[in-house]
Protein backbone atom coordinates (compact mmCIF):
# COMPACT_ATOMS: atom_id res chain seq x y z
CA MET A 1 65.18 184.83 107.56
CA SER A 2 62.88 186.48 105.06
CA ASP A 3 58.89 185.18 105.05
CA LYS A 4 59.27 183.76 101.74
CA GLU A 5 62.03 181.29 103.31
CA ASP A 6 60.65 180.79 106.66
CA VAL A 7 59.72 177.04 107.41
CA SER A 8 56.29 176.03 107.70
CA ARG A 9 56.65 172.30 106.75
CA ARG A 10 53.71 171.01 108.72
CA SER A 11 52.50 170.16 112.15
CA LEU A 12 54.55 166.68 112.04
CA LEU A 13 57.64 168.98 112.08
CA ARG A 14 56.86 171.99 114.38
CA SER A 15 56.91 170.38 117.27
CA ALA A 16 59.95 168.26 116.72
CA THR A 17 61.95 170.47 115.19
CA VAL A 18 64.26 172.93 117.06
CA ALA A 19 64.37 170.80 120.33
CA GLY A 20 64.98 167.72 117.83
CA ALA A 21 67.99 169.35 115.97
CA ALA A 22 69.58 170.73 119.36
CA VAL A 23 69.44 167.17 120.80
CA ALA A 24 70.53 165.14 117.77
CA ALA A 25 73.45 167.01 116.78
CA THR A 26 75.80 165.17 118.66
CA MET A 27 73.95 161.84 119.49
CA THR A 28 74.69 158.61 118.64
CA PRO A 29 72.34 155.70 117.57
CA PRO A 30 71.96 153.47 120.90
CA ALA A 31 70.88 157.06 122.43
CA MET A 32 67.48 156.77 121.04
CA ALA A 33 65.92 155.39 124.30
CA PRO A 34 62.40 154.41 123.90
CA GLN A 35 59.51 156.40 124.50
CA SER A 36 56.88 155.71 127.38
CA ALA A 37 53.36 154.23 126.56
CA GLN A 38 51.20 151.70 128.00
CA ALA A 39 52.21 148.11 127.06
CA GLN A 40 51.22 144.23 126.89
CA THR A 41 53.50 141.36 126.33
CA PRO A 42 52.76 140.62 122.65
CA ALA A 43 51.49 137.19 121.66
CA ALA A 44 52.92 135.40 119.00
CA SER A 45 53.57 137.04 115.77
CA ALA A 46 50.82 136.15 112.77
CA ALA A 47 52.23 134.74 109.35
CA PRO A 48 54.28 137.09 107.58
CA VAL A 49 52.69 139.48 104.42
CA VAL A 50 53.74 139.38 101.06
CA ALA A 51 55.24 143.11 100.29
CA ASN A 52 55.88 144.80 97.16
CA ALA A 53 59.81 145.86 97.73
CA ALA A 54 60.32 146.45 93.92
CA THR A 55 61.29 150.14 95.10
CA ALA A 56 63.34 149.19 98.42
CA SER A 57 66.51 150.39 97.90
CA ALA A 58 70.18 148.00 98.47
CA GLY A 59 72.70 148.38 101.08
CA TYR A 60 70.61 148.25 104.00
CA THR A 61 72.25 146.41 106.62
CA PHE A 62 69.38 145.09 109.38
CA LEU A 63 66.02 145.77 106.88
CA GLY A 64 64.90 143.23 104.50
CA PRO A 65 63.43 144.42 101.23
CA VAL A 66 60.11 144.30 103.06
CA GLU A 67 60.77 146.54 105.76
CA ALA A 68 63.12 148.59 103.66
CA ALA A 69 60.04 149.35 100.96
CA PHE A 70 58.17 150.15 104.05
CA PHE A 71 60.34 152.23 106.20
CA GLU A 72 61.36 154.37 102.70
CA ALA A 73 57.40 154.87 102.48
CA VAL A 74 57.28 156.16 106.20
CA ALA A 75 59.83 158.38 105.70
CA ASP A 76 58.77 159.84 102.38
CA HIS A 77 55.24 160.18 103.91
CA MET A 78 56.33 161.99 106.99
CA VAL A 79 58.92 164.27 105.18
CA PRO A 80 57.74 165.40 101.60
CA ALA A 81 59.57 166.62 99.33
CA ASP A 82 58.81 170.72 99.08
CA GLU A 83 61.10 173.78 97.84
CA LEU A 84 63.21 173.72 100.84
CA THR A 85 64.26 170.12 101.46
CA PRO A 86 64.83 166.83 99.99
CA GLY A 87 61.81 164.46 100.90
CA GLY A 88 62.48 161.47 103.80
CA VAL A 89 64.40 159.00 101.78
CA ASP A 90 66.42 161.76 100.21
CA LEU A 91 67.29 162.90 103.28
CA GLY A 92 68.75 159.71 104.28
CA ILE A 93 66.30 158.95 106.96
CA ALA A 94 65.71 155.11 106.27
CA VAL A 95 69.67 154.48 106.38
CA PHE A 96 69.83 155.80 110.02
CA ILE A 97 66.74 153.64 110.91
CA ASP A 98 68.84 151.03 109.43
CA ARG A 99 72.00 151.77 111.50
CA ALA A 100 70.63 152.36 114.38
CA LEU A 101 68.37 148.83 114.37
CA ALA A 102 71.48 147.25 113.49
CA GLY A 103 73.62 148.51 115.63
CA SER A 104 73.88 148.37 119.90
CA TRP A 105 70.65 150.23 120.24
CA GLY A 106 68.64 147.96 118.44
CA LYS A 107 69.98 145.59 120.37
CA GLY A 108 68.73 146.80 123.53
CA ASP A 109 72.38 147.06 125.17
CA ARG A 110 70.59 149.83 127.56
CA LEU A 111 67.68 148.20 128.27
CA TYR A 112 66.67 146.49 131.29
CA ALA A 113 65.68 142.94 129.83
CA GLN A 114 64.85 141.04 132.72
CA GLY A 115 61.25 141.60 133.29
CA PRO A 116 58.56 141.08 134.82
CA TRP A 117 56.51 142.13 131.69
CA LYS A 118 53.74 143.54 133.54
CA LEU A 119 51.12 146.28 132.04
CA GLY A 120 52.76 149.63 132.66
CA THR A 121 51.72 153.58 132.46
CA PRO A 122 53.19 156.26 130.41
CA ASN A 123 55.38 157.40 132.86
CA GLN A 124 57.14 153.98 133.90
CA GLY A 125 59.05 154.05 130.22
CA TYR A 126 59.42 151.46 127.69
CA GLN A 127 57.95 147.89 128.99
CA LEU A 128 57.96 145.46 126.25
CA PRO A 129 60.04 142.19 126.21
CA LEU A 130 61.24 143.38 122.96
CA THR A 131 64.89 144.59 121.83
CA PRO A 132 63.90 147.76 119.38
CA ALA A 133 65.06 145.76 116.74
CA GLU A 134 62.69 142.99 117.26
CA LEU A 135 59.57 145.49 118.22
CA PHE A 136 60.49 147.15 114.66
CA ARG A 137 60.37 144.24 112.73
CA ALA A 138 57.19 143.08 114.43
CA GLY A 139 55.53 146.32 113.93
CA VAL A 140 56.23 146.58 110.31
CA GLU A 141 54.61 142.33 109.90
CA GLN A 142 51.87 143.62 111.87
CA THR A 143 51.25 147.17 110.00
CA ASN A 144 51.25 145.28 106.76
CA ILE A 145 48.77 142.22 107.56
CA HIS A 146 46.46 145.29 108.53
CA CYS A 147 46.82 146.96 105.42
CA ALA A 148 46.82 143.77 103.42
CA LYS A 149 43.17 142.92 105.25
CA THR A 150 42.45 146.73 104.74
CA PHE A 151 43.29 147.74 101.44
CA GLY A 152 43.03 144.75 99.23
CA GLY A 153 46.36 142.87 100.22
CA LYS A 154 47.89 145.71 100.04
CA THR A 155 51.23 146.23 101.71
CA PHE A 156 51.88 149.52 103.61
CA ASP A 157 54.41 151.05 100.53
CA GLY A 158 51.63 150.54 98.06
CA LEU A 159 48.98 152.27 99.43
CA THR A 160 47.61 156.22 98.29
CA SER A 161 48.95 158.82 100.19
CA GLN A 162 45.69 158.99 101.68
CA ASP A 163 45.49 155.55 103.07
CA LYS A 164 49.08 156.05 104.65
CA GLU A 165 48.02 158.86 106.63
CA GLN A 166 45.00 157.19 107.55
CA VAL A 167 47.28 154.14 109.04
CA LEU A 168 49.53 156.12 110.69
CA LYS A 169 46.85 157.62 112.47
CA GLY A 170 45.78 154.78 113.59
CA LEU A 171 48.84 153.36 114.91
CA GLU A 172 49.23 156.83 116.58
CA THR A 173 46.25 156.70 118.51
CA GLY A 174 45.76 152.69 119.05
CA THR A 175 42.40 152.62 116.96
CA ILE A 176 44.58 149.92 114.90
CA LYS A 177 45.12 146.67 116.66
CA PHE A 178 47.77 144.33 116.17
CA GLU A 179 46.84 140.88 115.80
CA SER A 180 50.01 139.83 117.60
CA GLY A 181 48.47 141.51 120.87
CA LEU A 182 51.62 144.27 120.12
CA PRO A 183 50.82 148.18 121.44
CA SER A 184 50.67 149.67 117.89
CA THR A 185 50.83 153.06 120.48
CA VAL A 186 54.22 151.99 121.20
CA PHE A 187 55.79 150.90 117.51
CA PHE A 188 54.45 153.86 116.26
CA ALA A 189 55.95 156.11 119.01
CA GLU A 190 59.59 154.30 118.14
CA MET A 191 59.25 154.78 114.72
CA TYR A 192 58.26 158.49 114.86
CA GLN A 193 61.11 159.50 117.44
CA ALA A 194 63.58 157.55 114.89
CA VAL A 195 62.13 160.06 111.65
CA MET A 196 62.39 162.79 113.78
CA GLN A 197 66.14 161.85 114.63
CA GLY A 198 67.18 160.93 110.96
CA MET A 199 65.98 163.82 109.82
CA PHE A 200 67.91 166.67 112.34
CA ALA A 201 70.36 164.08 113.83
CA ASP A 202 74.50 164.47 112.63
CA PRO A 203 75.07 163.52 109.20
CA ILE A 204 77.44 161.07 110.67
CA TYR A 205 74.98 158.35 111.74
CA GLY A 206 73.51 158.65 107.95
CA GLY A 207 70.33 160.75 108.16
CA ASN A 208 70.17 164.72 107.66
CA ARG A 209 72.04 164.14 104.14
CA ASP A 210 73.88 167.34 102.99
CA LYS A 211 72.88 168.80 106.39
CA ALA A 212 69.86 169.64 104.41
CA SER A 213 67.60 169.56 107.68
CA TRP A 214 69.78 171.78 109.49
CA LYS A 215 70.28 174.27 106.86
CA MET A 216 66.44 174.38 106.69
CA ILE A 217 65.67 175.17 110.29
CA GLY A 218 69.16 177.58 110.42
CA PHE A 219 70.80 175.23 113.10
CA PRO A 220 74.82 175.48 113.01
CA GLY A 221 75.58 172.04 113.71
CA VAL A 222 78.28 171.75 116.31
CA ILE A 223 80.26 174.81 116.46
CA GLU A 224 80.67 175.98 120.47
CA VAL A 225 79.92 179.76 119.73
CA ASN A 226 76.22 179.20 119.10
CA GLN A 227 75.33 181.24 122.01
CA LYS A 228 77.31 184.10 120.44
CA ASN A 229 75.46 183.65 116.82
CA ILE A 230 72.18 183.35 118.24
CA VAL A 231 72.77 186.92 119.78
CA ASP A 232 74.43 188.41 116.61
CA TYR A 233 71.84 187.03 113.90
CA ARG A 234 68.66 187.19 116.01
CA ASN A 235 66.09 187.79 113.07
CA LYS A 236 68.41 187.31 110.40
CA LYS A 237 69.52 184.43 108.21
CA PHE A 238 72.87 182.58 109.47
CA PRO A 239 75.42 182.72 106.79
CA THR A 240 77.50 180.06 107.56
CA GLU A 241 77.59 176.62 106.45
CA PRO A 242 76.47 174.11 109.49
CA LEU A 243 79.29 172.06 110.66
CA SER A 244 79.05 168.36 111.52
CA ILE A 245 81.14 166.44 113.57
CA ALA A 246 82.84 164.83 110.51
CA ASP A 247 84.17 168.35 109.94
CA VAL A 248 85.66 168.84 113.24
CA GLY A 249 86.56 165.56 113.90
């Protein structure tokens, strides 16, 4: 791959790119295990905020208009379009998230959900009494409440790029405190992981549309001879179109 074609999308993706693609190539949505984070039992959710959902795409299974607008905005902000790949929405990241939340992973089928719900440590894994679908829905609501109070009634999808970055960093670091008591850091960690998986997972799950992300990093997909190709094409552009599960099924 030439210097011109070399990928430097931004620090957000660098740490997740190669490992994320390799793991996600054959994953199923339920395998998106919740990430470890300190947690506490959330209080009752605050009143919902009316969002500007005019740009929300139709056809989602789980996401309502407000939630669709939120995750589309997150996807396009975290993965902006450039000369190498489309933006997050065009890659299908929001579709991937929607399908995952509508499926068994979103319902918490692989989670222990009997309690007790005590404050956990990072190495103890997911500690909330919420399914991933409940966490994402509550997280969107609470983030929009914060945005509305901070930015003159605007919800996240209506913010400028600079303000979106401020909010996302606030969620990641925990400087934004949700009124319900829901840990914002847990919501961000799960959302970030879902975006990365939606970008690099096999296209059969709704994201990585047209294998654009695999093509960007030179990932060959699910073919079994990849170890040999790593040797044969070291420091060279991989000439073959990547293969997905649908291509070899």
